[in-house]
Amino acid sequence: SAASGAVRSCSRTVCSMGTGTSRLYSALAKTLNSSAASQHPEYLVSPDPEHLEPIDPKELLEECRAVLHTRPPRYQRDFVDLRTDCSSTHPPIRVMQWNILAQALGEGKDNFVQCPVEALKWEERKCLILEEILAYQPDILCLQEVDHYFDTFQPLLSRLGYQGTFFPKPWSPCLDVEHNNGPDGCALFFLQNRFKLINSANIRLTAMTLKTNQVAIAQTLECKESGRQFCIAVTHLKARTGWEQFRSAQGCDLLQNLQNITQGAKIPLIVCGDFNAEPTEEVYKHFASSSLNLNSAYKLLSADGQSEPPYTTWKIRTSGECRHTLDYIWYSKHALNVRSALDLLTEEQIGPNRLPSFNYPSDHLSLVCDFSFTEEPDGLL
């Protein structure tokens, strides 16, 4: 909470490098320019977290703010209280969904014509990403387009108490970019002091019986406070117009996998992802009408509770301006309640040059929700 309070203030200040922060700065600096993953095939092997010293999140936040002292401050985003009752006696489960923008794609492929090249420098953009995570302190973190897992996010987040899993795309477009840092993929982190891992599945999605380049991670966790189990999944479906049927097939494959993992919806489910699909697409409708009984959490921010946000990504490429709703947090509406959701950045905050920018590190907005279990229904875990 100290880190959360500190980062929500409107200004950044350069911290003094005392003994503790100097030690930490050295550890942080080691992650800034590492390209080991791109030069060695062992990027798929995670370093042993047992020997890594824990980090105070407030110290890491100060280090990030020191690196970012010349940039404008983070914008304020508020949580919207969505509770209909206060019956839960256990702390909420905070889930964060975010496509963080792969570094190789941001610099080498995505052509953000209004974004200054300096705003995409990894040394600083990495700290913006960490600052966003530290601001909201999720219990579970679901990320897409992660191409600095082993040299940045895994070592730092493991020292903050997270256990992580990474599943790269088989043919990542990052590998086409010169001086890349290895493939991008999905990553899932959870706080080890809150959850116990029951099982984990890395899923390579199929479409029309063919293996595709898109992946998902699904993990069954047990809440240490309540003993309740639930499944958390993260995915990133195929991008671009013209691939709607392909995405639909990938979504059906993922739903079938989740049906098996949750024993036909007996285990509550949360699915986070960049679906690359507007709510009008078939894949969205498959999730909305699935026998898994899912609802989209961010619909609850609308006046009628039935409409998705107007955008979750907003960028300007050489092909023109793109403003779309593509990112979602789905949840089992029979077993989970959404207690609050983080409001989106306004158009004024995003600014005329859109995303990414000096203020914000990705072309996608982070989504954050607090969940609680409903009263335990008969026959459910």
Protein backbone atom coordinates (compact mmCIF):
# COMPACT_ATOMS: atom_id res chain seq x y z
CA SER A 1 0.00 0.00 0.00
CA ALA A 2 2.92 2.31 0.60
CA ALA A 3 4.09 1.83 -2.97
CA SER A 4 0.56 2.25 -4.24
CA GLY A 5 0.10 5.51 -2.40
CA ALA A 6 3.46 6.83 -3.49
CA VAL A 7 2.96 6.15 -7.15
CA ARG A 8 -0.49 7.70 -7.26
CA SER A 9 0.91 11.11 -6.38
CA CYS A 10 1.10 13.41 -9.38
CA SER A 11 4.83 14.07 -9.49
CA ARG A 12 7.98 12.07 -9.92
CA THR A 13 10.99 12.92 -7.81
CA VAL A 14 14.51 11.64 -8.12
CA CYS A 15 15.26 9.50 -5.12
CA SER A 16 18.51 9.73 -3.24
CA MET A 17 20.65 6.65 -3.74
CA GLY A 18 21.07 5.35 -0.23
CA THR A 19 22.66 2.01 0.59
CA GLY A 20 19.51 -0.02 0.01
CA THR A 21 18.52 1.71 -3.20
CA SER A 22 22.09 1.64 -4.54
CA ARG A 23 22.10 -2.13 -4.12
CA LEU A 24 18.73 -2.32 -5.81
CA TYR A 25 19.73 0.07 -8.58
CA SER A 26 22.60 -2.24 -9.43
CA ALA A 27 20.17 -5.16 -9.74
CA LEU A 28 17.74 -3.10 -11.83
CA ALA A 29 20.49 -1.82 -14.11
CA LYS A 30 21.53 -5.38 -14.93
CA THR A 31 18.16 -5.91 -16.61
CA LEU A 32 18.27 -2.77 -18.73
CA ASN A 33 20.56 -3.78 -21.58
CA SER A 34 20.73 -7.54 -21.31
CA SER A 35 20.48 -9.26 -24.68
CA ALA A 36 21.53 -12.69 -23.43
CA ALA A 37 18.18 -14.17 -24.34
CA SER A 38 18.59 -13.31 -28.00
CA GLN A 39 22.08 -14.84 -28.18
CA HIS A 40 21.56 -18.07 -26.27
CA PRO A 41 18.92 -20.76 -26.73
CA GLU A 42 18.60 -21.09 -22.97
CA TYR A 43 16.18 -18.14 -22.95
CA LEU A 44 13.55 -20.84 -22.42
CA VAL A 45 15.14 -21.87 -19.12
CA SER A 46 14.17 -19.84 -16.07
CA PRO A 47 16.91 -18.82 -13.61
CA ASP A 48 16.65 -20.23 -10.10
CA PRO A 49 14.70 -17.68 -8.02
CA GLU A 50 15.86 -19.24 -4.74
CA HIS A 51 19.07 -17.21 -4.76
CA LEU A 52 17.47 -13.87 -5.54
CA GLU A 53 17.15 -11.43 -2.66
CA PRO A 54 13.61 -10.07 -2.03
CA ILE A 55 12.87 -6.50 -3.14
CA ASP A 56 10.80 -3.95 -1.26
CA PRO A 57 8.26 -2.74 -3.86
CA LYS A 58 8.62 0.81 -2.57
CA GLU A 59 12.37 0.69 -3.25
CA LEU A 60 11.84 -0.67 -6.76
CA LEU A 61 9.27 2.04 -7.39
CA GLU A 62 11.76 4.71 -6.31
CA GLU A 63 14.35 3.26 -8.67
CA CYS A 64 11.90 3.32 -11.56
CA ARG A 65 10.94 6.90 -10.78
CA ALA A 66 14.62 7.87 -10.71
CA VAL A 67 15.08 6.49 -14.22
CA LEU A 68 11.89 8.27 -15.35
CA HIS A 69 12.51 11.64 -13.70
CA THR A 70 12.63 13.51 -17.05
CA ARG A 71 9.30 12.07 -18.24
CA PRO A 72 5.84 13.46 -17.46
CA PRO A 73 4.01 11.87 -14.49
CA ARG A 74 1.67 8.90 -14.67
CA TYR A 75 -1.98 9.77 -15.18
CA GLN A 76 -4.43 9.19 -12.37
CA ARG A 77 -6.85 6.30 -12.88
CA ASP A 78 -9.46 5.48 -10.26
CA PHE A 79 -11.14 2.25 -9.26
CA VAL A 80 -14.91 2.17 -9.70
CA ASP A 81 -16.71 0.41 -6.83
CA LEU A 82 -19.02 -2.25 -8.31
CA ARG A 83 -19.99 -4.12 -5.14
CA THR A 84 -23.60 -5.10 -4.75
CA ASP A 85 -22.97 -6.56 -1.28
CA CYS A 86 -20.17 -6.79 1.26
CA SER A 87 -20.62 -10.41 2.26
CA SER A 88 -17.09 -11.63 1.44
CA THR A 89 -14.90 -12.04 4.50
CA HIS A 90 -11.70 -12.66 2.49
CA PRO A 91 -9.50 -10.05 0.80
CA PRO A 92 -10.34 -9.55 -2.88
CA ILE A 93 -8.25 -11.09 -5.65
CA ARG A 94 -6.80 -8.34 -7.84
CA VAL A 95 -6.23 -9.41 -11.45
CA MET A 96 -4.35 -7.31 -14.01
CA GLN A 97 -4.61 -7.89 -17.77
CA TRP A 98 -2.15 -6.09 -20.05
CA ASN A 99 -0.63 -6.34 -23.50
CA ILE A 100 2.62 -4.54 -22.66
CA LEU A 101 3.85 -4.20 -26.30
CA ALA A 102 6.82 -6.36 -27.24
CA GLN A 103 9.97 -4.24 -27.39
CA ALA A 104 11.08 -5.67 -30.73
CA LEU A 105 7.67 -4.94 -32.27
CA GLY A 106 7.41 -1.44 -30.81
CA GLU A 107 10.79 -0.43 -32.17
CA GLY A 108 10.95 -2.58 -35.28
CA LYS A 109 7.53 -3.38 -36.74
CA ASP A 110 4.53 -1.50 -35.39
CA ASN A 111 5.16 1.91 -37.02
CA PHE A 112 3.71 4.19 -34.35
CA VAL A 113 4.16 7.28 -36.50
CA GLN A 114 3.20 9.82 -33.81
CA CYS A 115 5.31 8.25 -31.07
CA PRO A 116 8.84 9.66 -30.70
CA VAL A 117 11.56 7.02 -30.96
CA GLU A 118 12.92 8.18 -27.59
CA ALA A 119 9.65 7.20 -25.90
CA LEU A 120 10.23 3.57 -26.95
CA LYS A 121 13.71 3.19 -25.43
CA TRP A 122 13.67 -0.03 -23.39
CA GLU A 123 15.76 1.43 -20.56
CA GLU A 124 12.89 3.79 -19.70
CA ARG A 125 9.85 2.02 -21.13
CA LYS A 126 10.63 -0.97 -18.95
CA CYS A 127 10.45 1.24 -15.88
CA LEU A 128 7.11 2.68 -17.04
CA ILE A 129 5.73 -0.87 -17.29
CA LEU A 130 7.03 -1.74 -13.83
CA GLU A 131 5.66 1.52 -12.42
CA GLU A 132 2.18 0.64 -13.73
CA ILE A 133 2.36 -2.83 -12.16
CA LEU A 134 3.63 -1.45 -8.85
CA ALA A 135 0.86 1.17 -8.82
CA TYR A 136 -1.90 -1.44 -8.75
CA GLN A 137 -0.08 -4.33 -7.03
CA PRO A 138 -2.05 -7.18 -8.64
CA ASP A 139 -2.27 -10.57 -6.94
CA ILE A 140 -2.34 -12.11 -10.43
CA LEU A 141 -0.72 -10.57 -13.49
CA CYS A 142 -1.62 -11.68 -17.05
CA LEU A 143 0.61 -10.26 -19.78
CA GLN A 144 0.88 -10.51 -23.56
CA GLU A 145 3.73 -9.56 -25.93
CA VAL A 146 6.38 -10.28 -23.31
CA ASP A 147 9.82 -10.49 -24.96
CA HIS A 148 11.91 -9.63 -21.89
CA TYR A 149 10.63 -12.33 -19.53
CA PHE A 150 13.89 -13.97 -18.45
CA ASP A 151 16.11 -10.90 -18.29
CA THR A 152 13.61 -8.47 -16.72
CA PHE A 153 10.17 -9.52 -15.54
CA GLN A 154 10.90 -12.96 -14.10
CA PRO A 155 13.93 -11.91 -12.01
CA LEU A 156 12.34 -8.70 -10.74
CA LEU A 157 8.81 -9.99 -10.11
CA SER A 158 10.06 -13.16 -8.45
CA ARG A 159 11.89 -10.92 -5.96
CA LEU A 160 8.54 -9.21 -5.29
CA GLY A 161 7.04 -12.59 -4.34
CA TYR A 162 5.50 -13.67 -7.65
CA GLN A 163 5.75 -17.08 -9.28
CA GLY A 164 5.84 -16.80 -13.06
CA THR A 165 5.19 -18.90 -16.15
CA PHE A 166 6.08 -17.96 -19.72
CA PHE A 167 4.90 -19.56 -22.94
CA PRO A 168 6.42 -18.07 -26.13
CA LYS A 169 4.81 -18.08 -29.56
CA PRO A 170 6.33 -20.83 -31.72
CA TRP A 171 7.04 -18.38 -34.59
CA SER A 172 7.20 -15.04 -32.85
CA PRO A 173 7.34 -12.01 -35.18
CA CYS A 174 9.93 -10.56 -32.80
CA LEU A 175 12.47 -13.00 -34.23
CA ASP A 176 12.28 -11.18 -37.59
CA VAL A 177 13.58 -7.98 -35.96
CA GLU A 178 17.31 -7.34 -35.83
CA HIS A 179 18.78 -7.32 -32.30
CA ASN A 180 15.65 -8.95 -30.88
CA ASN A 181 15.51 -10.37 -27.38
CA GLY A 182 13.97 -13.69 -28.26
CA PRO A 183 10.33 -14.58 -28.92
CA ASP A 184 7.37 -12.82 -27.37
CA GLY A 185 4.61 -14.73 -25.61
CA CYS A 186 2.13 -14.83 -22.76
CA ALA A 187 3.21 -14.63 -19.13
CA LEU A 188 1.25 -15.37 -15.96
CA PHE A 189 2.40 -14.32 -12.47
CA PHE A 190 0.72 -14.92 -9.10
CA LEU A 191 1.69 -14.01 -5.53
CA GLN A 192 3.02 -17.09 -3.79
CA ASN A 193 1.93 -15.94 -0.33
CA ARG A 194 -1.72 -15.85 -1.48
CA PHE A 195 -2.04 -18.85 -3.79
CA LYS A 196 -0.86 -22.41 -4.18
CA LEU A 197 -0.41 -23.81 -7.69
CA ILE A 198 -2.54 -26.94 -8.19
CA ASN A 199 -1.84 -27.52 -11.88
CA SER A 200 -0.64 -25.66 -14.96
CA ALA A 201 -1.21 -26.14 -18.68
CA ASN A 202 0.54 -24.48 -21.61
CA ILE A 203 -1.88 -24.56 -24.56
CA ARG A 204 -0.91 -24.08 -28.18
CA LEU A 205 -4.16 -23.05 -29.80
CA THR A 206 -5.52 -24.86 -32.86
CA ALA A 207 -7.75 -23.58 -35.65
CA MET A 208 -9.43 -25.95 -38.09
CA THR A 209 -7.34 -28.79 -36.53
CA LEU A 210 -4.10 -26.95 -37.35
CA LYS A 211 -1.62 -25.86 -34.69
CA THR A 212 -1.33 -22.07 -34.73
CA ASN A 213 1.17 -19.46 -33.59
CA GLN A 214 -1.07 -18.33 -30.71
CA VAL A 215 -0.87 -19.70 -27.16
CA ALA A 216 -2.52 -19.66 -23.75
CA ILE A 217 -1.55 -20.52 -20.17
CA ALA A 218 -4.16 -21.92 -17.78
CA GLN A 219 -3.42 -22.51 -14.09
CA THR A 220 -5.58 -23.84 -11.30
CA LEU A 221 -4.77 -22.00 -8.06
CA GLU A 222 -5.92 -22.49 -4.50
CA CYS A 223 -6.58 -19.45 -2.33
CA LYS A 224 -4.61 -19.88 0.88
CA GLU A 225 -7.07 -17.72 2.88
CA SER A 226 -10.27 -19.45 1.83
CA GLY A 227 -9.19 -22.81 0.45
CA ARG A 228 -11.25 -22.06 -2.70
CA GLN A 229 -9.87 -23.11 -6.06
CA PHE A 230 -10.18 -21.27 -9.36
CA CYS A 231 -8.63 -21.34 -12.81
CA ILE A 232 -6.83 -18.32 -14.28
CA ALA A 233 -6.01 -18.23 -17.99
CA VAL A 234 -4.17 -15.79 -20.24
CA THR A 235 -4.18 -15.71 -24.05
CA HIS A 236 -3.42 -13.58 -27.11
CA LEU A 237 -5.39 -14.40 -30.27
CA LYS A 238 -4.42 -13.82 -33.90
CA ALA A 239 -4.36 -10.16 -34.96
CA ARG A 240 -5.62 -8.27 -38.02
CA THR A 241 -8.70 -7.83 -40.14
CA GLY A 242 -9.55 -10.81 -42.31
CA TRP A 243 -8.71 -13.36 -39.62
CA GLU A 244 -12.08 -13.31 -37.86
CA GLN A 245 -12.91 -16.98 -38.58
CA PHE A 246 -9.42 -18.00 -37.48
CA ARG A 247 -9.85 -16.16 -34.16
CA SER A 248 -13.27 -17.75 -33.76
CA ALA A 249 -11.75 -21.21 -34.17
CA GLN A 250 -8.95 -20.39 -31.70
CA GLY A 251 -11.53 -19.18 -29.18
CA CYS A 252 -13.52 -22.41 -29.52
CA ASP A 253 -10.36 -24.44 -28.97
CA LEU A 254 -9.49 -22.43 -25.86
CA LEU A 255 -13.03 -22.78 -24.48
CA GLN A 256 -12.88 -26.55 -25.00
CA ASN A 257 -9.55 -26.73 -23.14
CA LEU A 258 -10.96 -24.62 -20.30
CA GLN A 259 -14.09 -26.77 -20.17
CA ASN A 260 -11.87 -29.78 -19.47
CA ILE A 261 -9.61 -27.98 -16.99
CA THR A 262 -12.54 -26.59 -14.97
CA GLN A 263 -14.40 -29.94 -15.05
CA GLY A 264 -17.31 -28.40 -16.91
CA ALA A 265 -17.33 -25.10 -14.98
CA LYS A 266 -17.14 -26.74 -11.54
CA ILE A 267 -13.98 -24.73 -10.91
CA PRO A 268 -14.52 -20.94 -11.20
CA LEU A 269 -12.69 -19.34 -14.09
CA ILE A 270 -11.06 -16.00 -15.00
CA VAL A 271 -9.80 -15.53 -18.57
CA CYS A 272 -7.62 -12.53 -19.44
CA GLY A 273 -6.54 -11.71 -22.93
CA ASP A 274 -5.91 -9.56 -25.92
CA PHE A 275 -8.50 -11.21 -28.17
CA ASN A 276 -7.76 -8.88 -31.11
CA ALA A 277 -11.54 -8.91 -31.58
CA GLU A 278 -14.25 -6.29 -31.15
CA PRO A 279 -17.43 -7.32 -29.28
CA THR A 280 -19.17 -7.73 -32.65
CA GLU A 281 -16.93 -10.67 -33.60
CA GLU A 282 -17.89 -14.34 -33.38
CA VAL A 283 -15.14 -15.19 -30.89
CA TYR A 284 -16.56 -12.65 -28.42
CA LYS A 285 -20.03 -14.12 -28.86
CA HIS A 286 -18.66 -17.64 -28.25
CA PHE A 287 -17.26 -16.54 -24.88
CA ALA A 288 -20.42 -14.61 -23.97
CA SER A 289 -22.68 -17.60 -24.71
CA SER A 290 -20.40 -20.41 -23.52
CA SER A 291 -21.65 -23.11 -21.16
CA LEU A 292 -18.85 -21.93 -18.85
CA ASN A 293 -21.27 -19.12 -17.91
CA LEU A 294 -18.85 -16.22 -18.42
CA ASN A 295 -19.36 -12.47 -18.23
CA SER A 296 -17.01 -9.69 -19.31
CA ALA A 297 -15.99 -7.69 -16.23
CA TYR A 298 -15.51 -4.34 -17.97
CA LYS A 299 -19.12 -4.31 -19.19
CA LEU A 300 -20.00 -3.49 -15.57
CA LEU A 301 -18.50 0.00 -15.96
CA SER A 302 -21.21 0.93 -18.49
CA ALA A 303 -24.46 2.57 -17.42
CA ASP A 304 -26.54 -0.52 -18.26
CA GLY A 305 -23.88 -3.10 -17.45
CA GLN A 306 -24.21 -4.45 -20.99
CA SER A 307 -21.70 -2.45 -23.05
CA GLU A 308 -17.94 -2.84 -23.40
CA PRO A 309 -15.68 0.23 -23.05
CA PRO A 310 -15.29 2.38 -26.19
CA TYR A 311 -11.60 1.41 -26.48
CA THR A 312 -8.82 -0.57 -24.83
CA THR A 313 -6.21 0.30 -27.48
CA TRP A 314 -5.68 3.56 -29.37
CA LYS A 315 -2.78 4.13 -31.74
CA ILE A 316 -1.76 5.85 -34.96
CA ARG A 317 0.10 3.80 -37.55
CA THR A 318 1.09 4.57 -41.14
CA SER A 319 -2.22 2.97 -42.16
CA GLY A 320 -4.18 5.41 -39.99
CA GLU A 321 -5.72 5.75 -36.54
CA CYS A 322 -6.90 2.58 -34.74
CA ARG A 323 -9.29 2.82 -31.79
CA HIS A 324 -10.62 -0.56 -30.73
CA THR A 325 -11.88 -2.65 -27.82
CA LEU A 326 -9.80 -5.84 -27.98
CA ASP A 327 -8.85 -6.67 -24.36
CA TYR A 328 -11.09 -8.46 -21.87
CA ILE A 329 -11.31 -10.04 -18.43
CA TRP A 330 -13.93 -12.81 -18.48
CA TYR A 331 -15.10 -14.43 -15.25
CA SER A 332 -17.52 -17.11 -13.97
CA LYS A 333 -20.57 -15.03 -13.07
CA HIS A 334 -22.09 -17.84 -10.97
CA ALA A 335 -19.03 -18.12 -8.71
CA LEU A 336 -17.29 -14.73 -8.71
CA ASN A 337 -18.28 -11.11 -8.06
CA VAL A 338 -16.48 -8.06 -9.47
CA ARG A 339 -15.93 -5.74 -6.53
CA SER A 340 -14.21 -2.96 -8.48
CA ALA A 341 -12.61 -2.20 -11.84
CA LEU A 342 -9.95 0.31 -12.84
CA ASP A 343 -11.35 3.06 -15.03
CA LEU A 344 -9.75 3.68 -18.43
CA LEU A 345 -7.67 6.66 -19.46
CA THR A 346 -9.77 9.42 -21.01
CA GLU A 347 -9.21 10.71 -24.55
CA GLU A 348 -7.80 13.91 -23.05
CA GLN A 349 -5.28 11.93 -20.96
CA ILE A 350 -4.26 9.78 -23.91
CA GLY A 351 -3.61 12.91 -25.96
CA PRO A 352 -3.68 13.64 -29.70
CA ASN A 353 -0.66 11.47 -30.55
CA ARG A 354 -2.34 8.45 -28.88
CA LEU A 355 -0.39 5.45 -27.56
CA PRO A 356 2.35 4.56 -26.76
CA SER A 357 3.82 7.83 -25.51
CA PHE A 358 6.22 9.37 -23.00
CA ASN A 359 3.40 8.98 -20.45
CA TYR A 360 2.30 5.45 -21.24
CA PRO A 361 4.45 2.48 -22.34
CA SER A 362 2.02 0.39 -24.41
CA ASP A 363 -0.55 0.80 -27.17
CA HIS A 364 -2.98 -1.18 -24.96
CA LEU A 365 -4.43 -0.02 -21.64
CA SER A 366 -4.06 -2.21 -18.58
CA LEU A 367 -7.30 -3.65 -17.17
CA VAL A 368 -7.52 -4.33 -13.42
CA CYS A 369 -10.38 -5.96 -11.47
CA ASP A 370 -10.93 -7.00 -7.86
CA PHE A 371 -12.81 -10.29 -7.51
CA SER A 372 -14.39 -12.11 -4.59
CA PHE A 373 -16.02 -15.53 -4.42
CA THR A 374 -19.75 -15.76 -4.10
CA GLU A 375 -21.15 -17.84 -1.26
CA GLU A 376 -20.05 -21.38 -1.96
CA PRO A 377 -22.73 -23.03 -4.13
CA ASP A 378 -23.64 -26.69 -3.74
CA GLY A 379 -21.53 -29.02 -5.81
CA LEU A 380 -18.84 -26.48 -6.68
CA LEU A 381 -15.24 -26.59 -5.51
